[in-house]
C-alpha atoms as a PDB file:
ATOM      1  CA  MET A   1     -56.944 -52.577 146.570  1.00  0.00           C
ATOM      2  CA  LYS A   2     -54.177 -51.523 148.930  1.00  0.00           C
ATOM      3  CA  HIS A   3     -51.098 -53.738 149.042  1.00  0.00           C
ATOM      4  CA  THR A   4     -49.518 -54.420 152.416  1.00  0.00           C
ATOM      5  CA  LEU A   5     -46.397 -56.189 153.456  1.00  0.00           C
ATOM      6  CA  ILE A   6     -47.020 -59.871 154.017  1.00  0.00           C
ATOM      7  CA  GLY A   7     -45.878 -59.666 157.623  1.00  0.00           C
ATOM      8  CA  ASP A   8     -48.303 -56.824 158.323  1.00  0.00           C
ATOM      9  CA  TYR A   9     -51.118 -58.816 156.722  1.00  0.00           C
ATOM     10  CA  ILE A  10     -50.338 -61.952 158.746  1.00  0.00           C
ATOM     11  CA  LYS A  11     -50.102 -60.000 161.995  1.00  0.00           C
ATOM     12  CA  ARG A  12     -53.367 -58.142 161.365  1.00  0.00           C
ATOM     13  CA  GLU A  13     -55.277 -61.292 160.389  1.00  0.00           C
ATOM     14  CA  ARG A  14     -53.832 -63.263 163.308  1.00  0.00           C
ATOM     15  CA  LYS A  15     -54.882 -60.584 165.764  1.00  0.00           C
ATOM     16  CA  ASN A  16     -58.321 -60.249 164.143  1.00  0.00           C
ATOM     17  CA  ARG A  17     -58.841 -63.928 164.961  1.00  0.00           C
ATOM     18  CA  GLY A  18     -57.619 -63.471 168.526  1.00  0.00           C
ATOM     19  CA  LEU A  19     -54.541 -65.671 168.109  1.00  0.00           C
ATOM     20  CA  THR A  20     -51.215 -65.163 169.811  1.00  0.00           C
ATOM     21  CA  GLN A  21     -48.062 -65.855 167.824  1.00  0.00           C
ATOM     22  CA  ILE A  22     -47.690 -69.111 169.768  1.00  0.00           C
ATOM     23  CA  GLU A  23     -51.258 -70.200 168.972  1.00  0.00           C
ATOM     24  CA  PHE A  24     -50.875 -69.262 165.315  1.00  0.00           C
ATOM     25  CA  ALA A  25     -47.623 -71.203 165.068  1.00  0.00           C
ATOM     26  CA  LYS A  26     -49.329 -74.292 166.491  1.00  0.00           C
ATOM     27  CA  VAL A  27     -52.447 -74.213 164.310  1.00  0.00           C
ATOM     28  CA  SER A  28     -50.516 -73.390 161.140  1.00  0.00           C
ATOM     29  CA  GLY A  29     -47.799 -75.977 161.736  1.00  0.00           C
ATOM     30  CA  LEU A  30     -45.089 -73.318 161.577  1.00  0.00           C
ATOM     31  CA  GLY A  31     -42.345 -72.640 164.083  1.00  0.00           C
ATOM     32  CA  LEU A  32     -42.687 -69.715 166.464  1.00  0.00           C
ATOM     33  CA  ASN A  33     -39.391 -68.230 165.280  1.00  0.00           C
ATOM     34  CA  PHE A  34     -40.635 -68.305 161.684  1.00  0.00           C
ATOM     35  CA  VAL A  35     -43.876 -66.538 162.634  1.00  0.00           C
ATOM     36  CA  ARG A  36     -41.903 -63.866 164.484  1.00  0.00           C
ATOM     37  CA  ASP A  37     -39.482 -63.415 161.569  1.00  0.00           C
ATOM     38  CA  LEU A  38     -42.395 -63.168 159.123  1.00  0.00           C
ATOM     39  CA  GLU A  39     -44.255 -60.546 161.136  1.00  0.00           C
ATOM     40  CA  GLN A  40     -41.082 -58.538 161.670  1.00  0.00           C
ATOM     41  CA  GLY A  41     -40.425 -58.389 157.928  1.00  0.00           C
ATOM     42  CA  LYS A  42     -37.316 -60.549 157.685  1.00  0.00           C
ATOM     43  CA  PRO A  43     -36.208 -60.096 154.046  1.00  0.00           C
ATOM     44  CA  ALA A  44     -35.387 -63.731 153.279  1.00  0.00           C
ATOM     45  CA  LEU A  45     -37.932 -66.411 154.138  1.00  0.00           C
ATOM     46  CA  ARG A  46     -38.937 -69.692 152.519  1.00  0.00           C
ATOM     47  CA  MET A  47     -41.843 -69.053 150.174  1.00  0.00           C
ATOM     48  CA  ASP A  48     -43.473 -72.409 150.912  1.00  0.00           C
ATOM     49  CA  LYS A  49     -43.626 -71.451 154.593  1.00  0.00           C
ATOM     50  CA  VAL A  50     -44.916 -67.957 153.759  1.00  0.00           C
ATOM     51  CA  ASN A  51     -47.690 -69.543 151.706  1.00  0.00           C
ATOM     52  CA  GLN A  52     -48.414 -71.961 154.547  1.00  0.00           C
ATOM     53  CA  ALA A  53     -48.997 -68.958 156.820  1.00  0.00           C
ATOM     54  CA  LEU A  54     -51.076 -67.091 154.223  1.00  0.00           C
ATOM     55  CA  TYR A  55     -53.174 -70.192 153.516  1.00  0.00           C
ATOM     56  CA  MET A  56     -54.551 -69.963 157.057  1.00  0.00           C
ATOM     57  CA  PHE A  57     -56.295 -66.750 155.966  1.00  0.00           C
ATOM     58  CA  GLY A  58     -57.362 -67.886 152.499  1.00  0.00           C
ATOM     59  CA  ALA A  59     -54.501 -66.204 150.626  1.00  0.00           C
ATOM     60  CA  ILE A  60     -51.287 -67.080 148.774  1.00  0.00           C
ATOM     61  CA  THR A  61     -48.393 -65.076 147.375  1.00  0.00           C
ATOM     62  CA  GLY A  62     -48.469 -63.935 143.790  1.00  0.00           C
ATOM     63  CA  PRO A  63     -46.833 -61.477 141.428  1.00  0.00           C
ATOM     64  CA  VAL A  64     -47.730 -57.826 141.791  1.00  0.00           C
ATOM     65  CA  LYS A  65     -46.501 -55.308 139.252  1.00  0.00           C
ATOM     66  CA  ILE A  66     -44.211 -52.743 140.878  1.00  0.00           C
ATOM     67  CA  LYS A  67     -45.997 -50.032 138.917  1.00  0.00           C
ATOM     68  CA  ASP A  68     -49.309 -50.993 140.562  1.00  0.00           C
ATOM     69  CA  VAL A  69     -47.836 -50.718 144.052  1.00  0.00           C
ATOM     70  CA  LYS A  70     -46.187 -47.359 143.297  1.00  0.00           C
ATOM     71  CA  ASP A  71     -49.439 -46.021 141.791  1.00  0.00           C
ATOM     72  CA  GLU A  72     -51.306 -46.879 144.995  1.00  0.00           C
ATOM     73  CA  GLU A  73     -48.662 -45.253 147.188  1.00  0.00           C
ATOM     74  CA  GLY A  74     -49.081 -42.023 145.238  1.00  0.00           C
END
């Protein structure tokens, strides 16, 4: 399984469902600025809000061993 940055995942899934950032913000209950920050990879975001965004696509954050990510990157 390939790991991706959360922002990349959110952006890809949002687009796959044909949602604009504005539409996604509305249906997820998140602010537009938060959605933009998340997709742009802002390094410090509230985890509860990140999980709120991920929940829209049936996912949540969880621990991933650094070794596993490095092994996949080659």
